[in-house]
Amino acid sequence: MAADLSPTDAEQIRQLLARFSHAFDNADTKALGEVFAADGVLELARTGAVFSGLEDIRVFSRDLGNRSPDQHTLDSVLTAEPDGTVRGRSRYLAIQSDGTVYNGDYFDVYVRTEDGWRIARRRSVPRYPLRAGEA
């Protein structure tokens, strides 16, 4: 049975999800510290790339430069587990600089720090468009 997540905690996590897009898409390395835990992990399922720790995530965001998509997080569902772990599943839409659009799912684990909620782990799983050979 899932534990209850207070309305305040749920709203703070939803604000965190909104801050992610603003910080990541704009390579705002300072603001990424308000999004990811210091030991946070970002995993890209399609490529297998894993960025471990806030500094690696900052470098990845910065190095995308003008290739960084314009991301929109949607339909987030938050679940508090009996052990206190809070997980989230969100849909995303991402608009590329050439106007193409793709989407997928974020699978997150959140942690409450002294400075508020942070993403401890994010797994980004694309859905469409499919790559050649994907069914």
N, C-alpha and C. Protein backbone atom coordinates (compact mmCIF):
# COMPACT_ATOMS: atom_id res chain seq x y z
N MET A 1 0.84 -1.18 0.00
CA MET A 1 0.00 0.00 0.00
C MET A 1 0.88 1.25 0.00
N ALA A 2 0.55 2.19 -0.83
CA ALA A 2 1.31 3.43 -0.93
C ALA A 2 1.04 4.33 0.26
N ALA A 3 2.04 5.06 0.67
CA ALA A 3 1.90 6.05 1.74
C ALA A 3 1.27 7.31 1.14
N ASP A 4 0.77 8.17 2.01
CA ASP A 4 0.18 9.43 1.55
C ASP A 4 1.28 10.45 1.30
N LEU A 5 1.08 11.25 0.28
CA LEU A 5 1.96 12.36 -0.01
C LEU A 5 1.14 13.62 0.27
N SER A 6 1.66 14.48 1.11
CA SER A 6 0.88 15.66 1.49
C SER A 6 0.68 16.56 0.26
N PRO A 7 -0.41 17.33 0.25
CA PRO A 7 -0.63 18.27 -0.85
C PRO A 7 0.54 19.25 -1.01
N THR A 8 1.14 19.65 0.09
CA THR A 8 2.28 20.58 0.03
C THR A 8 3.46 19.92 -0.66
N ASP A 9 3.77 18.67 -0.26
CA ASP A 9 4.88 17.96 -0.89
C ASP A 9 4.60 17.73 -2.37
N ALA A 10 3.38 17.36 -2.71
CA ALA A 10 3.02 17.13 -4.11
C ALA A 10 3.21 18.40 -4.93
N GLU A 11 2.78 19.53 -4.41
CA GLU A 11 2.95 20.80 -5.14
C GLU A 11 4.42 21.17 -5.27
N GLN A 12 5.19 20.95 -4.22
CA GLN A 12 6.62 21.26 -4.29
C GLN A 12 7.32 20.39 -5.35
N ILE A 13 6.93 19.14 -5.46
CA ILE A 13 7.51 18.27 -6.48
C ILE A 13 7.06 18.71 -7.88
N ARG A 14 5.82 19.12 -8.02
CA ARG A 14 5.35 19.62 -9.33
C ARG A 14 6.12 20.89 -9.74
N GLN A 15 6.41 21.74 -8.78
CA GLN A 15 7.23 22.93 -9.05
C GLN A 15 8.65 22.51 -9.45
N LEU A 16 9.17 21.49 -8.81
CA LEU A 16 10.48 20.94 -9.16
C LEU A 16 10.50 20.47 -10.61
N LEU A 17 9.43 19.77 -11.03
CA LEU A 17 9.34 19.29 -12.40
C LEU A 17 9.32 20.46 -13.39
N ALA A 18 8.64 21.53 -13.04
CA ALA A 18 8.61 22.71 -13.90
C ALA A 18 10.00 23.36 -13.97
N ARG A 19 10.67 23.44 -12.83
CA ARG A 19 12.02 24.04 -12.80
C ARG A 19 13.00 23.25 -13.65
N PHE A 20 12.82 21.93 -13.74
CA PHE A 20 13.74 21.11 -14.54
C PHE A 20 13.84 21.66 -15.96
N SER A 21 12.70 21.84 -16.63
CA SER A 21 12.73 22.27 -18.03
C SER A 21 13.40 23.63 -18.18
N HIS A 22 13.08 24.55 -17.31
CA HIS A 22 13.69 25.88 -17.40
C HIS A 22 15.21 25.80 -17.20
N ALA A 23 15.63 25.05 -16.21
CA ALA A 23 17.06 24.96 -15.90
C ALA A 23 17.82 24.17 -16.96
N PHE A 24 17.33 22.98 -17.30
CA PHE A 24 18.06 22.11 -18.22
C PHE A 24 18.10 22.70 -19.63
N ASP A 25 16.95 23.12 -20.14
CA ASP A 25 16.88 23.61 -21.52
C ASP A 25 17.71 24.87 -21.73
N ASN A 26 17.89 25.64 -20.69
CA ASN A 26 18.66 26.88 -20.79
C ASN A 26 20.08 26.74 -20.27
N ALA A 27 20.48 25.50 -19.97
CA ALA A 27 21.83 25.23 -19.45
C ALA A 27 22.15 26.15 -18.27
N ASP A 28 21.16 26.34 -17.42
CA ASP A 28 21.34 27.17 -16.23
C ASP A 28 21.94 26.28 -15.15
N THR A 29 23.26 26.23 -15.14
CA THR A 29 23.94 25.28 -14.27
C THR A 29 23.69 25.55 -12.79
N LYS A 30 23.50 26.81 -12.43
CA LYS A 30 23.18 27.11 -11.03
C LYS A 30 21.81 26.56 -10.67
N ALA A 31 20.82 26.79 -11.53
CA ALA A 31 19.45 26.32 -11.26
C ALA A 31 19.36 24.80 -11.27
N LEU A 32 20.24 24.12 -12.01
CA LEU A 32 20.22 22.65 -11.98
C LEU A 32 20.50 22.13 -10.57
N GLY A 33 21.21 22.90 -9.77
CA GLY A 33 21.45 22.54 -8.37
C GLY A 33 20.19 22.63 -7.53
N GLU A 34 19.17 23.31 -8.05
CA GLU A 34 17.88 23.38 -7.38
C GLU A 34 16.92 22.32 -7.90
N VAL A 35 17.41 21.49 -8.82
CA VAL A 35 16.59 20.45 -9.44
C VAL A 35 17.09 19.06 -9.08
N PHE A 36 18.38 18.83 -9.24
CA PHE A 36 18.96 17.51 -8.99
C PHE A 36 19.67 17.46 -7.65
N ALA A 37 19.61 16.31 -7.01
CA ALA A 37 20.40 16.07 -5.80
C ALA A 37 21.87 16.08 -6.19
N ALA A 38 22.74 16.37 -5.24
CA ALA A 38 24.18 16.42 -5.52
C ALA A 38 24.67 15.12 -6.13
N ASP A 39 24.08 13.99 -5.71
CA ASP A 39 24.48 12.69 -6.25
C ASP A 39 23.44 12.15 -7.23
N GLY A 40 22.66 13.06 -7.81
CA GLY A 40 21.60 12.67 -8.74
C GLY A 40 22.13 11.95 -9.96
N VAL A 41 21.23 11.19 -10.59
CA VAL A 41 21.58 10.42 -11.78
C VAL A 41 20.55 10.71 -12.86
N LEU A 42 21.04 10.93 -14.08
CA LEU A 42 20.19 11.11 -15.25
C LEU A 42 20.57 10.03 -16.25
N GLU A 43 19.59 9.21 -16.61
CA GLU A 43 19.83 8.10 -17.53
C GLU A 43 18.97 8.29 -18.78
N LEU A 44 19.59 8.14 -19.94
CA LEU A 44 18.91 8.23 -21.22
C LEU A 44 18.77 6.82 -21.79
N ALA A 45 17.56 6.29 -21.76
CA ALA A 45 17.34 4.89 -22.11
C ALA A 45 17.70 4.58 -23.55
N ARG A 46 17.41 5.48 -24.47
CA ARG A 46 17.66 5.17 -25.88
C ARG A 46 19.15 5.01 -26.18
N THR A 47 19.97 5.86 -25.61
CA THR A 47 21.41 5.82 -25.91
C THR A 47 22.20 5.03 -24.88
N GLY A 48 21.61 4.83 -23.70
CA GLY A 48 22.34 4.16 -22.63
C GLY A 48 23.26 5.08 -21.86
N ALA A 49 23.26 6.37 -22.20
CA ALA A 49 24.11 7.32 -21.48
C ALA A 49 23.61 7.52 -20.06
N VAL A 50 24.55 7.60 -19.13
CA VAL A 50 24.23 7.83 -17.73
C VAL A 50 25.13 8.95 -17.23
N PHE A 51 24.52 9.96 -16.62
CA PHE A 51 25.24 11.08 -16.06
C PHE A 51 25.06 11.01 -14.55
N SER A 52 26.16 10.80 -13.84
CA SER A 52 26.11 10.59 -12.40
C SER A 52 26.69 11.78 -11.67
N GLY A 53 25.88 12.35 -10.81
CA GLY A 53 26.31 13.50 -10.03
C GLY A 53 25.93 14.80 -10.71
N LEU A 54 25.70 15.80 -9.91
CA LEU A 54 25.24 17.10 -10.39
C LEU A 54 26.20 17.70 -11.41
N GLU A 55 27.48 17.57 -11.18
CA GLU A 55 28.44 18.18 -12.11
C GLU A 55 28.36 17.54 -13.50
N ASP A 56 28.22 16.21 -13.58
CA ASP A 56 28.07 15.54 -14.88
C ASP A 56 26.80 16.01 -15.59
N ILE A 57 25.72 16.17 -14.83
CA ILE A 57 24.45 16.62 -15.42
C ILE A 57 24.60 18.05 -15.93
N ARG A 58 25.29 18.89 -15.17
CA ARG A 58 25.52 20.27 -15.60
C ARG A 58 26.31 20.31 -16.91
N VAL A 59 27.37 19.52 -16.99
CA VAL A 59 28.21 19.50 -18.19
C VAL A 59 27.40 19.01 -19.38
N PHE A 60 26.59 17.96 -19.19
CA PHE A 60 25.76 17.44 -20.28
C PHE A 60 24.81 18.53 -20.79
N SER A 61 24.12 19.20 -19.88
CA SER A 61 23.19 20.26 -20.26
C SER A 61 23.92 21.38 -21.00
N ARG A 62 25.03 21.81 -20.45
CA ARG A 62 25.80 22.90 -21.07
C ARG A 62 26.30 22.50 -22.46
N ASP A 63 26.80 21.27 -22.59
CA ASP A 63 27.39 20.83 -23.86
C ASP A 63 26.36 20.61 -24.97
N LEU A 64 25.08 20.47 -24.60
CA LEU A 64 24.05 20.35 -25.64
C LEU A 64 23.95 21.65 -26.44
N GLY A 65 24.23 22.76 -25.79
CA GLY A 65 24.20 24.04 -26.49
C GLY A 65 22.88 24.25 -27.20
N ASN A 66 22.96 24.65 -28.48
CA ASN A 66 21.74 24.92 -29.23
C ASN A 66 21.02 23.65 -29.67
N ARG A 67 21.56 22.49 -29.33
CA ARG A 67 20.87 21.23 -29.61
C ARG A 67 19.91 20.85 -28.48
N SER A 68 19.88 21.63 -27.43
CA SER A 68 18.99 21.32 -26.31
C SER A 68 17.54 21.52 -26.73
N PRO A 69 16.71 20.50 -26.51
CA PRO A 69 15.30 20.63 -26.87
C PRO A 69 14.55 21.54 -25.90
N ASP A 70 13.38 21.95 -26.32
CA ASP A 70 12.47 22.71 -25.48
C ASP A 70 11.51 21.67 -24.88
N GLN A 71 11.72 21.32 -23.60
CA GLN A 71 10.98 20.22 -22.98
C GLN A 71 9.78 20.70 -22.17
N HIS A 72 8.72 19.91 -22.24
CA HIS A 72 7.49 20.20 -21.49
C HIS A 72 7.09 18.93 -20.74
N THR A 73 6.98 19.03 -19.44
CA THR A 73 6.63 17.89 -18.60
C THR A 73 5.13 17.91 -18.35
N LEU A 74 4.48 16.75 -18.57
CA LEU A 74 3.02 16.66 -18.53
C LEU A 74 2.56 15.43 -17.74
N ASP A 75 1.31 15.47 -17.29
CA ASP A 75 0.62 14.30 -16.74
C ASP A 75 1.43 13.55 -15.70
N SER A 76 2.01 14.28 -14.76
CA SER A 76 2.83 13.66 -13.73
C SER A 76 1.97 12.96 -12.69
N VAL A 77 2.37 11.75 -12.36
CA VAL A 77 1.72 10.96 -11.32
C VAL A 77 2.78 10.69 -10.25
N LEU A 78 2.47 11.07 -9.02
CA LEU A 78 3.41 10.93 -7.91
C LEU A 78 2.93 9.84 -6.98
N THR A 79 3.86 9.01 -6.51
CA THR A 79 3.52 7.92 -5.60
C THR A 79 4.51 7.88 -4.46
N ALA A 80 3.98 7.90 -3.24
CA ALA A 80 4.81 7.73 -2.05
C ALA A 80 4.70 6.27 -1.61
N GLU A 81 5.82 5.62 -1.49
CA GLU A 81 5.85 4.21 -1.10
C GLU A 81 5.94 4.09 0.41
N PRO A 82 5.57 2.92 0.95
CA PRO A 82 5.59 2.74 2.41
C PRO A 82 6.93 3.06 3.06
N ASP A 83 8.04 2.85 2.34
CA ASP A 83 9.35 3.13 2.93
C ASP A 83 9.72 4.61 2.86
N GLY A 84 8.81 5.44 2.31
CA GLY A 84 9.06 6.88 2.21
C GLY A 84 9.60 7.32 0.87
N THR A 85 9.98 6.39 0.02
CA THR A 85 10.45 6.73 -1.32
C THR A 85 9.32 7.37 -2.11
N VAL A 86 9.61 8.47 -2.78
CA VAL A 86 8.61 9.12 -3.63
C VAL A 86 9.07 8.95 -5.08
N ARG A 87 8.18 8.40 -5.89
CA ARG A 87 8.45 8.16 -7.31
C ARG A 87 7.48 8.97 -8.15
N GLY A 88 7.92 9.27 -9.35
CA GLY A 88 7.07 9.98 -10.28
C GLY A 88 7.19 9.40 -11.67
N ARG A 89 6.10 9.47 -12.40
CA ARG A 89 6.10 9.13 -13.81
C ARG A 89 5.41 10.28 -14.52
N SER A 90 6.11 10.83 -15.50
CA SER A 90 5.61 11.97 -16.25
C SER A 90 5.77 11.69 -17.73
N ARG A 91 4.91 12.31 -18.51
CA ARG A 91 5.09 12.32 -19.96
C ARG A 91 5.87 13.58 -20.29
N TYR A 92 6.59 13.55 -21.41
CA TYR A 92 7.23 14.77 -21.87
C TYR A 92 7.05 14.93 -23.37
N LEU A 93 7.01 16.18 -23.78
CA LEU A 93 7.08 16.57 -25.18
C LEU A 93 8.34 17.41 -25.32
N ALA A 94 9.09 17.17 -26.37
CA ALA A 94 10.31 17.93 -26.59
C ALA A 94 10.32 18.43 -28.03
N ILE A 95 10.54 19.71 -28.16
CA ILE A 95 10.58 20.34 -29.48
C ILE A 95 12.05 20.65 -29.80
N GLN A 96 12.50 20.13 -30.93
CA GLN A 96 13.86 20.35 -31.38
C GLN A 96 13.98 21.70 -32.06
N SER A 97 15.20 22.18 -32.23
CA SER A 97 15.41 23.48 -32.86
C SER A 97 14.92 23.51 -34.31
N ASP A 98 14.82 22.34 -34.95
CA ASP A 98 14.31 22.29 -36.33
C ASP A 98 12.79 22.16 -36.39
N GLY A 99 12.14 22.17 -35.22
CA GLY A 99 10.68 22.09 -35.16
C GLY A 99 10.12 20.69 -35.02
N THR A 100 10.96 19.68 -35.14
CA THR A 100 10.46 18.32 -34.95
C THR A 100 10.14 18.10 -33.47
N VAL A 101 9.21 17.18 -33.24
CA VAL A 101 8.75 16.92 -31.88
C VAL A 101 8.92 15.45 -31.56
N TYR A 102 9.33 15.16 -30.34
CA TYR A 102 9.33 13.79 -29.87
C TYR A 102 8.78 13.77 -28.45
N ASN A 103 8.46 12.57 -28.00
CA ASN A 103 7.89 12.46 -26.66
C ASN A 103 8.40 11.21 -25.98
N GLY A 104 8.05 11.09 -24.71
CA GLY A 104 8.47 9.93 -23.94
C GLY A 104 7.99 10.04 -22.51
N ASP A 105 8.63 9.24 -21.67
CA ASP A 105 8.29 9.18 -20.24
C ASP A 105 9.53 9.45 -19.41
N TYR A 106 9.33 10.15 -18.30
CA TYR A 106 10.34 10.29 -17.26
C TYR A 106 9.92 9.38 -16.11
N PHE A 107 10.84 8.60 -15.63
CA PHE A 107 10.63 7.80 -14.43
C PHE A 107 11.60 8.35 -13.39
N ASP A 108 11.05 8.94 -12.34
CA ASP A 108 11.85 9.67 -11.36
C ASP A 108 11.77 9.07 -9.97
N VAL A 109 12.82 9.33 -9.21
CA VAL A 109 12.83 9.12 -7.76
C VAL A 109 13.23 10.46 -7.17
N TYR A 110 12.46 10.93 -6.19
CA TYR A 110 12.71 12.22 -5.57
C TYR A 110 13.21 12.02 -4.15
N VAL A 111 13.99 12.98 -3.69
CA VAL A 111 14.50 12.95 -2.33
C VAL A 111 14.31 14.34 -1.71
N ARG A 112 13.93 14.34 -0.45
CA ARG A 112 13.79 15.62 0.25
C ARG A 112 15.15 15.94 0.89
N THR A 113 15.69 17.10 0.56
CA THR A 113 16.97 17.54 1.12
C THR A 113 16.70 18.71 2.06
N GLU A 114 17.74 19.20 2.69
CA GLU A 114 17.60 20.37 3.55
C GLU A 114 17.11 21.59 2.76
N ASP A 115 17.36 21.58 1.46
CA ASP A 115 16.97 22.71 0.60
C ASP A 115 15.69 22.46 -0.18
N GLY A 116 15.00 21.35 0.10
CA GLY A 116 13.76 21.05 -0.60
C GLY A 116 13.89 19.78 -1.43
N TRP A 117 12.84 19.48 -2.18
CA TRP A 117 12.80 18.27 -3.00
C TRP A 117 13.76 18.40 -4.17
N ARG A 118 14.41 17.27 -4.49
CA ARG A 118 15.32 17.19 -5.62
C ARG A 118 15.09 15.87 -6.36
N ILE A 119 15.49 15.84 -7.61
CA ILE A 119 15.46 14.58 -8.37
C ILE A 119 16.71 13.79 -8.00
N ALA A 120 16.50 12.61 -7.45
CA ALA A 120 17.61 11.73 -7.11
C ALA A 120 17.99 10.87 -8.31
N ARG A 121 16.99 10.50 -9.11
CA ARG A 121 17.23 9.66 -10.29
C ARG A 121 16.15 9.95 -11.31
N ARG A 122 16.57 10.14 -12.55
CA ARG A 122 15.63 10.33 -13.66
C ARG A 122 16.05 9.41 -14.79
N ARG A 123 15.08 8.61 -15.26
CA ARG A 123 15.29 7.76 -16.43
C ARG A 123 14.37 8.29 -17.52
N SER A 124 14.95 8.72 -18.61
CA SER A 124 14.20 9.27 -19.73
C SER A 124 14.05 8.19 -20.79
N VAL A 125 12.80 7.84 -21.08
CA VAL A 125 12.50 6.76 -22.03
C VAL A 125 11.68 7.34 -23.18
N PRO A 126 12.29 7.48 -24.37
CA PRO A 126 11.56 8.04 -25.50
C PRO A 126 10.51 7.06 -26.02
N ARG A 127 9.46 7.62 -26.61
CA ARG A 127 8.39 6.82 -27.21
C ARG A 127 8.37 7.01 -28.72
N TYR A 128 8.09 8.23 -29.17
CA TYR A 128 7.98 8.52 -30.60
C TYR A 128 8.78 9.76 -30.93
N PRO A 129 9.35 9.85 -32.12
CA PRO A 129 9.26 8.89 -33.20
C PRO A 129 10.13 7.67 -32.92
N LEU A 130 9.74 6.56 -33.48
CA LEU A 130 10.52 5.35 -33.36
C LEU A 130 11.76 5.47 -34.23
N ARG A 131 12.81 4.82 -33.81
CA ARG A 131 14.01 4.74 -34.64
C ARG A 131 13.87 3.54 -35.57
N ALA A 132 14.66 3.52 -36.61
CA ALA A 132 14.64 2.39 -37.55
C ALA A 132 14.87 1.10 -36.77
N GLY A 133 14.03 0.12 -37.02
CA GLY A 133 14.16 -1.18 -36.35
C GLY A 133 13.39 -1.30 -35.06
N GLU A 134 12.86 -0.18 -34.54
CA GLU A 134 12.06 -0.25 -33.32
C GLU A 134 10.61 -0.54 -33.69
N ALA A 135 9.98 -1.34 -32.86
CA ALA A 135 8.57 -1.65 -33.13
C ALA A 135 7.68 -0.98 -32.11
